[in-house]
PDB file of N, CA and C in Angstrom:
ATOM      1  N   MET A   1     150.307 158.359 168.820  1.00  0.00           N
ATOM      2  CA  MET A   1     151.152 157.724 169.805  1.00  0.00           C
ATOM      3  C   MET A   1     151.693 158.751 170.812  1.00  0.00           C
ATOM      4  N   SER A   2     152.053 159.912 170.341  1.00  0.00           N
ATOM      5  CA  SER A   2     152.553 160.913 171.263  1.00  0.00           C
ATOM      6  C   SER A   2     151.442 161.445 172.154  1.00  0.00           C
ATOM      7  N   MET A   3     150.194 161.395 171.713  1.00  0.00           N
ATOM      8  CA  MET A   3     149.067 161.833 172.537  1.00  0.00           C
ATOM      9  C   MET A   3     148.927 160.963 173.775  1.00  0.00           C
ATOM     10  N   HIS A   4     149.096 159.652 173.618  1.00  0.00           N
ATOM     11  CA  HIS A   4     148.984 158.755 174.763  1.00  0.00           C
ATOM     12  C   HIS A   4     150.117 158.987 175.753  1.00  0.00           C
ATOM     13  N   HIS A   5     151.300 159.235 175.237  1.00  0.00           N
ATOM     14  CA  HIS A   5     152.429 159.487 176.133  1.00  0.00           C
ATOM     15  C   HIS A   5     152.231 160.787 176.901  1.00  0.00           C
ATOM     16  N   HIS A   6     151.749 161.814 176.222  1.00  0.00           N
ATOM     17  CA  HIS A   6     151.498 163.103 176.868  1.00  0.00           C
ATOM     18  C   HIS A   6     150.386 162.979 177.905  1.00  0.00           C
ATOM     19  N   GLN A   7     149.354 162.231 177.600  1.00  0.00           N
ATOM     20  CA  GLN A   7     148.243 162.060 178.524  1.00  0.00           C
ATOM     21  C   GLN A   7     148.688 161.315 179.783  1.00  0.00           C
ATOM     22  N   GLY A   8     149.551 160.326 179.655  1.00  0.00           N
ATOM     23  CA  GLY A   8     150.057 159.608 180.813  1.00  0.00           C
ATOM     24  C   GLY A   8     150.917 160.495 181.695  1.00  0.00           C
ATOM     25  N   HIS A   9     151.622 161.455 181.083  1.00  0.00           N
ATOM     26  CA  HIS A   9     152.451 162.376 181.858  1.00  0.00           C
ATOM     27  C   HIS A   9     151.580 163.292 182.708  1.00  0.00           C
ATOM     28  N   GLU A  10     150.424 163.715 182.196  1.00  0.00           N
ATOM     29  CA  GLU A  10     149.507 164.554 182.973  1.00  0.00           C
ATOM     30  C   GLU A  10     148.957 163.794 184.174  1.00  0.00           C
ATOM     31  N   ASP A  11     148.658 162.502 183.995  1.00  0.00           N
ATOM     32  CA  ASP A  11     148.151 161.702 185.108  1.00  0.00           C
ATOM     33  C   ASP A  11     149.185 161.625 186.228  1.00  0.00           C
ATOM     34  N   HIS A  12     150.449 161.545 185.866  1.00  0.00           N
ATOM     35  CA  HIS A  12     151.505 161.468 186.873  1.00  0.00           C
ATOM     36  C   HIS A  12     151.598 162.759 187.684  1.00  0.00           C
ATOM     37  N   GLN A  13     151.343 163.903 187.061  1.00  0.00           N
ATOM     38  CA  GLN A  13     151.416 165.176 187.771  1.00  0.00           C
ATOM     39  C   GLN A  13     150.263 165.352 188.742  1.00  0.00           C
ATOM     40  N   ASP A  14     149.125 164.717 188.493  1.00  0.00           N
ATOM     41  CA  ASP A  14     147.964 164.865 189.353  1.00  0.00           C
ATOM     42  C   ASP A  14     148.021 164.006 190.607  1.00  0.00           C
ATOM     43  N   GLU A  15     149.009 163.122 190.710  1.00  0.00           N
ATOM     44  CA  GLU A  15     149.100 162.276 191.890  1.00  0.00           C
ATOM     45  C   GLU A  15     149.439 163.116 193.112  1.00  0.00           C
ATOM     46  N   PRO A  16     148.838 162.825 194.262  1.00  0.00           N
ATOM     47  CA  PRO A  16     149.155 163.600 195.461  1.00  0.00           C
ATOM     48  C   PRO A  16     150.591 163.352 195.910  1.00  0.00           C
ATOM     49  N   GLN A  17     151.248 164.408 196.322  1.00  0.00           N
ATOM     50  CA  GLN A  17     152.611 164.293 196.808  1.00  0.00           C
ATOM     51  C   GLN A  17     152.605 164.425 198.312  1.00  0.00           C
ATOM     52  N   GLY A  18     153.690 163.998 198.937  1.00  0.00           N
ATOM     53  CA  GLY A  18     153.803 164.079 200.386  1.00  0.00           C
ATOM     54  C   GLY A  18     153.997 165.515 200.835  1.00  0.00           C
ATOM     55  N   PRO A  19     154.076 165.734 202.139  1.00  0.00           N
ATOM     56  CA  PRO A  19     154.297 167.086 202.643  1.00  0.00           C
ATOM     57  C   PRO A  19     155.650 167.629 202.202  1.00  0.00           C
ATOM     58  N   PHE A  20     155.712 168.967 202.053  1.00  0.00           N
ATOM     59  CA  PHE A  20     156.930 169.606 201.543  1.00  0.00           C
ATOM     60  C   PHE A  20     158.129 169.323 202.435  1.00  0.00           C
ATOM     61  N   MET A  21     157.962 169.416 203.741  1.00  0.00           N
ATOM     62  CA  MET A  21     159.095 169.257 204.646  1.00  0.00           C
ATOM     63  C   MET A  21     159.619 167.824 204.680  1.00  0.00           C
ATOM     64  N   ALA A  22     158.843 166.858 204.221  1.00  0.00           N
ATOM     65  CA  ALA A  22     159.315 165.473 204.179  1.00  0.00           C
ATOM     66  C   ALA A  22     160.021 165.174 202.859  1.00  0.00           C
ATOM     67  N   SER A  23     159.930 166.099 201.882  1.00  0.00           N
ATOM     68  CA  SER A  23     160.592 165.881 200.602  1.00  0.00           C
ATOM     69  C   SER A  23     162.087 166.174 200.729  1.00  0.00           C
ATOM     70  N   ARG A  24     162.822 165.820 199.712  1.00  0.00           N
ATOM     71  CA  ARG A  24     164.268 166.035 199.723  1.00  0.00           C
ATOM     72  C   ARG A  24     164.589 167.533 199.777  1.00  0.00           C
ATOM     73  N   VAL A  25     163.849 168.335 199.019  1.00  0.00           N
ATOM     74  CA  VAL A  25     164.068 169.783 199.020  1.00  0.00           C
ATOM     75  C   VAL A  25     163.738 170.369 200.396  1.00  0.00           C
ATOM     76  N   GLY A  26     162.671 169.888 201.014  1.00  0.00           N
ATOM     77  CA  GLY A  26     162.292 170.370 202.335  1.00  0.00           C
ATOM     78  C   GLY A  26     163.334 170.045 203.387  1.00  0.00           C
ATOM     79  N   LEU A  27     163.902 168.856 203.311  1.00  0.00           N
ATOM     80  CA  LEU A  27     164.935 168.472 204.276  1.00  0.00           C
ATOM     81  C   LEU A  27     166.204 169.304 204.102  1.00  0.00           C
ATOM     82  N   VAL A  28     166.564 169.596 202.851  1.00  0.00           N
ATOM     83  CA  VAL A  28     167.722 170.456 202.604  1.00  0.00           C
ATOM     84  C   VAL A  28     167.447 171.855 203.142  1.00  0.00           C
ATOM     85  N   PHE A  29     166.232 172.351 202.931  1.00  0.00           N
ATOM     86  CA  PHE A  29     165.838 173.666 203.440  1.00  0.00           C
ATOM     87  C   PHE A  29     165.929 173.701 204.967  1.00  0.00           C
ATOM     88  N   LEU A  30     165.436 172.655 205.634  1.00  0.00           N
ATOM     89  CA  LEU A  30     165.543 172.581 207.093  1.00  0.00           C
ATOM     90  C   LEU A  30     167.000 172.541 207.548  1.00  0.00           C
ATOM     91  N   GLY A  31     167.851 171.852 206.802  1.00  0.00           N
ATOM     92  CA  GLY A  31     169.269 171.815 207.123  1.00  0.00           C
ATOM     93  C   GLY A  31     169.898 173.202 207.034  1.00  0.00           C
ATOM     94  N   PHE A  32     169.568 173.953 205.976  1.00  0.00           N
ATOM     95  CA  PHE A  32     170.084 175.317 205.850  1.00  0.00           C
ATOM     96  C   PHE A  32     169.579 176.205 206.978  1.00  0.00           C
ATOM     97  N   LEU A  33     168.320 176.048 207.353  1.00  0.00           N
ATOM     98  CA  LEU A  33     167.784 176.831 208.462  1.00  0.00           C
ATOM     99  C   LEU A  33     168.499 176.504 209.769  1.00  0.00           C
ATOM    100  N   ALA A  34     168.781 175.232 209.998  1.00  0.00           N
ATOM    101  CA  ALA A  34     169.467 174.828 211.226  1.00  0.00           C
ATOM    102  C   ALA A  34     170.884 175.399 211.269  1.00  0.00           C
ATOM    103  N   VAL A  35     171.601 175.331 210.148  1.00  0.00           N
ATOM    104  CA  VAL A  35     172.959 175.868 210.105  1.00  0.00           C
ATOM    105  C   VAL A  35     172.922 177.382 210.295  1.00  0.00           C
ATOM    106  N   GLY A  36     171.976 178.056 209.652  1.00  0.00           N
ATOM    107  CA  GLY A  36     171.849 179.506 209.816  1.00  0.00           C
ATOM    108  C   GLY A  36     171.531 179.889 211.249  1.00  0.00           C
ATOM    109  N   ALA A  37     170.636 179.152 211.886  1.00  0.00           N
ATOM    110  CA  ALA A  37     170.296 179.445 213.285  1.00  0.00           C
ATOM    111  C   ALA A  37     171.500 179.224 214.192  1.00  0.00           C
ATOM    112  N   LEU A  38     172.251 178.166 213.943  1.00  0.00           N
ATOM    113  CA  LEU A  38     173.446 177.905 214.747  1.00  0.00           C
ATOM    114  C   LEU A  38     174.477 179.016 214.587  1.00  0.00           C
ATOM    115  N   LEU A  39     174.703 179.452 213.357  1.00  0.00           N
ATOM    116  CA  LEU A  39     175.676 180.525 213.124  1.00  0.00           C
ATOM    117  C   LEU A  39     175.206 181.837 213.759  1.00  0.00           C
ATOM    118  N   LEU A  40     173.917 182.150 213.627  1.00  0.00           N
ATOM    119  CA  LEU A  40     173.401 183.365 214.253  1.00  0.00           C
ATOM    120  C   LEU A  40     173.549 183.310 215.768  1.00  0.00           C
ATOM    121  N   PHE A  41     173.253 182.155 216.343  1.00  0.00           N
ATOM    122  CA  PHE A  41     173.351 182.030 217.797  1.00  0.00           C
ATOM    123  C   PHE A  41     174.795 182.164 218.275  1.00  0.00           C
ATOM    124  N   THR A  42     175.722 181.494 217.600  1.00  0.00           N
ATOM    125  CA  THR A  42     177.114 181.548 218.057  1.00  0.00           C
ATOM    126  C   THR A  42     177.726 182.926 217.863  1.00  0.00           C
ATOM    127  N   GLU A  43     177.351 183.623 216.809  1.00  0.00           N
ATOM    128  CA  GLU A  43     177.924 184.941 216.558  1.00  0.00           C
ATOM    129  C   GLU A  43     177.252 186.036 217.377  1.00  0.00           C
ATOM    130  N   HIS A  44     176.010 185.826 217.762  1.00  0.00           N
ATOM    131  CA  HIS A  44     175.256 186.867 218.471  1.00  0.00           C
ATOM    132  C   HIS A  44     174.718 186.351 219.808  1.00  0.00           C
ATOM    133  N   ARG A  45     175.491 185.521 220.477  1.00  0.00           N
ATOM    134  CA  ARG A  45     175.059 184.886 221.714  1.00  0.00           C
ATOM    135  C   ARG A  45     174.677 185.913 222.784  1.00  0.00           C
ATOM    136  N   ALA A  46     175.443 186.967 222.918  1.00  0.00           N
ATOM    137  CA  ALA A  46     175.156 187.975 223.944  1.00  0.00           C
ATOM    138  C   ALA A  46     173.814 188.648 223.685  1.00  0.00           C
ATOM    139  N   HIS A  47     173.512 188.925 222.417  1.00  0.00           N
ATOM    140  CA  HIS A  47     172.235 189.556 222.093  1.00  0.00           C
ATOM    141  C   HIS A  47     171.069 188.610 222.347  1.00  0.00           C
ATOM    142  N   VAL A  48     171.243 187.345 221.943  1.00  0.00           N
ATOM    143  CA  VAL A  48     170.175 186.353 222.108  1.00  0.00           C
ATOM    144  C   VAL A  48     169.897 186.111 223.587  1.00  0.00           C
ATOM    145  N   LEU A  49     170.947 185.908 224.364  1.00  0.00           N
ATOM    146  CA  LEU A  49     170.757 185.636 225.790  1.00  0.00           C
ATOM    147  C   LEU A  49     170.241 186.864 226.530  1.00  0.00           C
ATOM    148  N   GLY A  50     170.575 188.051 226.055  1.00  0.00           N
ATOM    149  CA  GLY A  50     170.030 189.267 226.649  1.00  0.00           C
ATOM    150  C   GLY A  50     168.550 189.436 226.353  1.00  0.00           C
ATOM    151  N   ALA A  51     168.101 188.934 225.214  1.00  0.00           N
ATOM    152  CA  ALA A  51     166.694 189.045 224.839  1.00  0.00           C
ATOM    153  C   ALA A  51     165.833 187.999 225.540  1.00  0.00           C
ATOM    154  N   VAL A  52     166.434 186.912 226.022  1.00  0.00           N
ATOM    155  CA  VAL A  52     165.676 185.856 226.694  1.00  0.00           C
ATOM    156  C   VAL A  52     164.957 186.400 227.929  1.00  0.00           C
ATOM    157  N   PHE A  53     165.563 187.379 228.580  1.00  0.00           N
ATOM    158  CA  PHE A  53     164.956 187.992 229.760  1.00  0.00           C
ATOM    159  C   PHE A  53     163.576 188.573 229.447  1.00  0.00           C
ATOM    160  N   TRP A  54     163.393 189.091 228.241  1.00  0.00           N
ATOM    161  CA  TRP A  54     162.145 189.765 227.873  1.00  0.00           C
ATOM    162  C   TRP A  54     161.071 188.808 227.361  1.00  0.00           C
ATOM    163  N   VAL A  55     161.381 187.550 227.162  1.00  0.00           N
ATOM    164  CA  VAL A  55     160.411 186.609 226.582  1.00  0.00           C
ATOM    165  C   VAL A  55     159.203 186.420 227.491  1.00  0.00           C
ATOM    166  N   LEU A  56     159.405 186.163 228.767  1.00  0.00           N
ATOM    167  CA  LEU A  56     158.282 185.919 229.673  1.00  0.00           C
ATOM    168  C   LEU A  56     157.393 187.152 229.852  1.00  0.00           C
ATOM    169  N   PRO A  57     157.936 188.338 230.145  1.00  0.00           N
ATOM    170  CA  PRO A  57     157.043 189.494 230.279  1.00  0.00           C
ATOM    171  C   PRO A  57     156.289 189.824 228.996  1.00  0.00           C
ATOM    172  N   LEU A  58     156.958 189.740 227.850  1.00  0.00           N
ATOM    173  CA  LEU A  58     156.281 190.034 226.587  1.00  0.00           C
ATOM    174  C   LEU A  58     155.239 188.975 226.253  1.00  0.00           C
ATOM    175  N   ALA A  59     155.514 187.718 226.577  1.00  0.00           N
ATOM    176  CA  ALA A  59     154.525 186.669 226.341  1.00  0.00           C
ATOM    177  C   ALA A  59     153.278 186.917 227.175  1.00  0.00           C
ATOM    178  N   CYS A  60     153.458 187.351 228.416  1.00  0.00           N
ATOM    179  CA  CYS A  60     152.304 187.659 229.274  1.00  0.00           C
ATOM    180  C   CYS A  60     151.478 188.803 228.698  1.00  0.00           C
ATOM    181  N   VAL A  61     152.147 189.835 228.235  1.00  0.00           N
ATOM    182  CA  VAL A  61     151.436 190.988 227.672  1.00  0.00           C
ATOM    183  C   VAL A  61     150.666 190.582 226.417  1.00  0.00           C
ATOM    184  N   PHE A  62     151.311 189.869 225.506  1.00  0.00           N
ATOM    185  CA  PHE A  62     150.642 189.480 224.269  1.00  0.00           C
ATOM    186  C   PHE A  62     149.504 188.498 224.533  1.00  0.00           C
ATOM    187  N   MET A  63     149.674 187.580 225.461  1.00  0.00           N
ATOM    188  CA  MET A  63     148.587 186.656 225.785  1.00  0.00           C
ATOM    189  C   MET A  63     147.418 187.416 226.392  1.00  0.00           C
ATOM    190  N   HIS A  64     147.692 188.406 227.219  1.00  0.00           N
ATOM    191  CA  HIS A  64     146.622 189.205 227.814  1.00  0.00           C
ATOM    192  C   HIS A  64     145.875 189.981 226.732  1.00  0.00           C
ATOM    193  N   MET A  65     146.609 190.534 225.771  1.00  0.00           N
ATOM    194  CA  MET A  65     145.986 191.334 224.725  1.00  0.00           C
ATOM    195  C   MET A  65     145.156 190.490 223.765  1.00  0.00           C
ATOM    196  N   PHE A  66     145.659 189.347 223.359  1.00  0.00           N
ATOM    197  CA  PHE A  66     145.037 188.588 222.279  1.00  0.00           C
ATOM    198  C   PHE A  66     144.164 187.428 222.747  1.00  0.00           C
ATOM    199  N   MET A  67     144.179 187.075 224.019  1.00  0.00           N
ATOM    200  CA  MET A  67     143.417 185.905 224.452  1.00  0.00           C
ATOM    201  C   MET A  67     142.236 186.268 225.342  1.00  0.00           C
ATOM    202  N   HIS A  68     141.874 187.531 225.437  1.00  0.00           N
ATOM    203  CA  HIS A  68     140.742 187.925 226.266  1.00  0.00           C
ATOM    204  C   HIS A  68     139.419 187.842 225.527  1.00  0.00           C
ATOM    205  N   GLY A  69     139.383 187.433 224.290  1.00  0.00           N
ATOM    206  CA  GLY A  69     138.152 187.379 223.523  1.00  0.00           C
ATOM    207  C   GLY A  69     137.205 186.281 223.984  1.00  0.00           C
ATOM    208  N   GLY A  70     137.689 185.290 224.696  1.00  0.00           N
ATOM    209  CA  GLY A  70     136.871 184.145 225.066  1.00  0.00           C
ATOM    210  C   GLY A  70     135.830 184.423 226.127  1.00  0.00           C
ATOM    211  N   HIS A  71     135.983 185.452 226.963  1.00  0.00           N
ATOM    212  CA  HIS A  71     135.011 185.677 228.030  1.00  0.00           C
ATOM    213  C   HIS A  71     134.367 187.057 227.947  1.00  0.00           C
ATOM    214  N   GLY A  72     134.385 187.675 226.797  1.00  0.00           N
ATOM    215  CA  GLY A  72     133.660 188.915 226.608  1.00  0.00           C
ATOM    216  C   GLY A  72     134.420 190.164 226.979  1.00  0.00           C
ATOM    217  N   GLY A  73     135.683 190.109 227.195  1.00  0.00           N
ATOM    218  CA  GLY A  73     136.464 191.288 227.519  1.00  0.00           C
ATOM    219  C   GLY A  73     136.377 191.648 228.987  1.00  0.00           C
ATOM    220  N   HIS A  74     136.851 192.833 229.338  1.00  0.00           N
ATOM    221  CA  HIS A  74     136.913 193.254 230.736  1.00  0.00           C
ATOM    222  C   HIS A  74     135.562 193.682 231.290  1.00  0.00           C
ATOM    223  N   GLY A  75     134.603 194.044 230.447  1.00  0.00           N
ATOM    224  CA  GLY A  75     133.328 194.558 230.929  1.00  0.00           C
ATOM    225  C   GLY A  75     132.426 193.515 231.544  1.00  0.00           C
ATOM    226  N   SER A  76     132.700 192.241 231.373  1.00  0.00           N
ATOM    227  CA  SER A  76     131.766 191.217 231.836  1.00  0.00           C
ATOM    228  C   SER A  76     132.329 190.330 232.940  1.00  0.00           C
ATOM    229  N   HIS A  77     133.345 190.767 233.640  1.00  0.00           N
ATOM    230  CA  HIS A  77     133.890 189.958 234.725  1.00  0.00           C
ATOM    231  C   HIS A  77     132.852 189.785 235.835  1.00  0.00           C
ATOM    232  N   GLY A  78     132.553 188.565 236.174  1.00  0.00           N
ATOM    233  CA  GLY A  78     131.655 188.273 237.284  1.00  0.00           C
ATOM    234  C   GLY A  78     130.181 188.394 236.963  1.00  0.00           C
ATOM    235  N   LYS A  79     129.806 188.763 235.751  1.00  0.00           N
ATOM    236  CA  LYS A  79     128.394 188.908 235.382  1.00  0.00           C
ATOM    237  C   LYS A  79     128.016 187.767 234.452  1.00  0.00           C
ATOM    238  N   ARG A  80     127.091 186.933 234.876  1.00  0.00           N
ATOM    239  CA  ARG A  80     126.635 185.816 234.032  1.00  0.00           C
ATOM    240  C   ARG A  80     125.588 186.327 233.047  1.00  0.00           C
ATOM    241  N   ASN A  81     124.426 186.626 233.542  1.00  0.00           N
ATOM    242  CA  ASN A  81     123.341 187.151 232.725  1.00  0.00           C
ATOM    243  C   ASN A  81     122.473 188.006 233.675  1.00  0.00           C
ATOM    244  N   GLU A  82     122.354 189.286 233.389  1.00  0.00           N
ATOM    245  CA  GLU A  82     121.661 190.183 234.318  1.00  0.00           C
ATOM    246  C   GLU A  82     120.169 189.919 234.358  1.00  0.00           C
ATOM    247  N   ARG A  83     119.598 189.238 233.375  1.00  0.00           N
ATOM    248  CA  ARG A  83     118.146 188.976 233.355  1.00  0.00           C
ATOM    249  C   ARG A  83     117.759 187.810 234.236  1.00  0.00           C
ATOM    250  N   GLU A  84     118.661 186.886 234.504  1.00  0.00           N
ATOM    251  CA  GLU A  84     118.338 185.723 235.333  1.00  0.00           C
ATOM    252  C   GLU A  84     118.488 186.070 236.811  1.00  0.00           C
ATOM    253  N   PRO A  85     117.531 185.675 237.639  1.00  0.00           N
ATOM    254  CA  PRO A  85     117.668 185.919 239.089  1.00  0.00           C
ATOM    255  C   PRO A  85     118.715 184.978 239.677  1.00  0.00           C
ATOM    256  N   SER A  86     119.382 185.409 240.721  1.00  0.00           N
ATOM    257  CA  SER A  86     120.443 184.609 241.339  1.00  0.00           C
ATOM    258  C   SER A  86     119.872 183.554 242.239  1.00  0.00           C
TER     259      SER A  86
END
């Protein structure tokens, strides 16, 4: 009799669960993150607002560094295929 009860408990554990952030624990975690972010922002507002100035220039630099892989790098600007006649 205890074997059947134990076997049914294993079946319950194998059921798919929803996403973590939609669970009760995930929502509490998001709440703590929101409160922490609010406290950090209010206590360090001058630092945060001073760093906002650097977001656009740094984003441009990082996008230039990491997104140039799609067209072959700097060596192939304007060159389609040297073997094909124009």
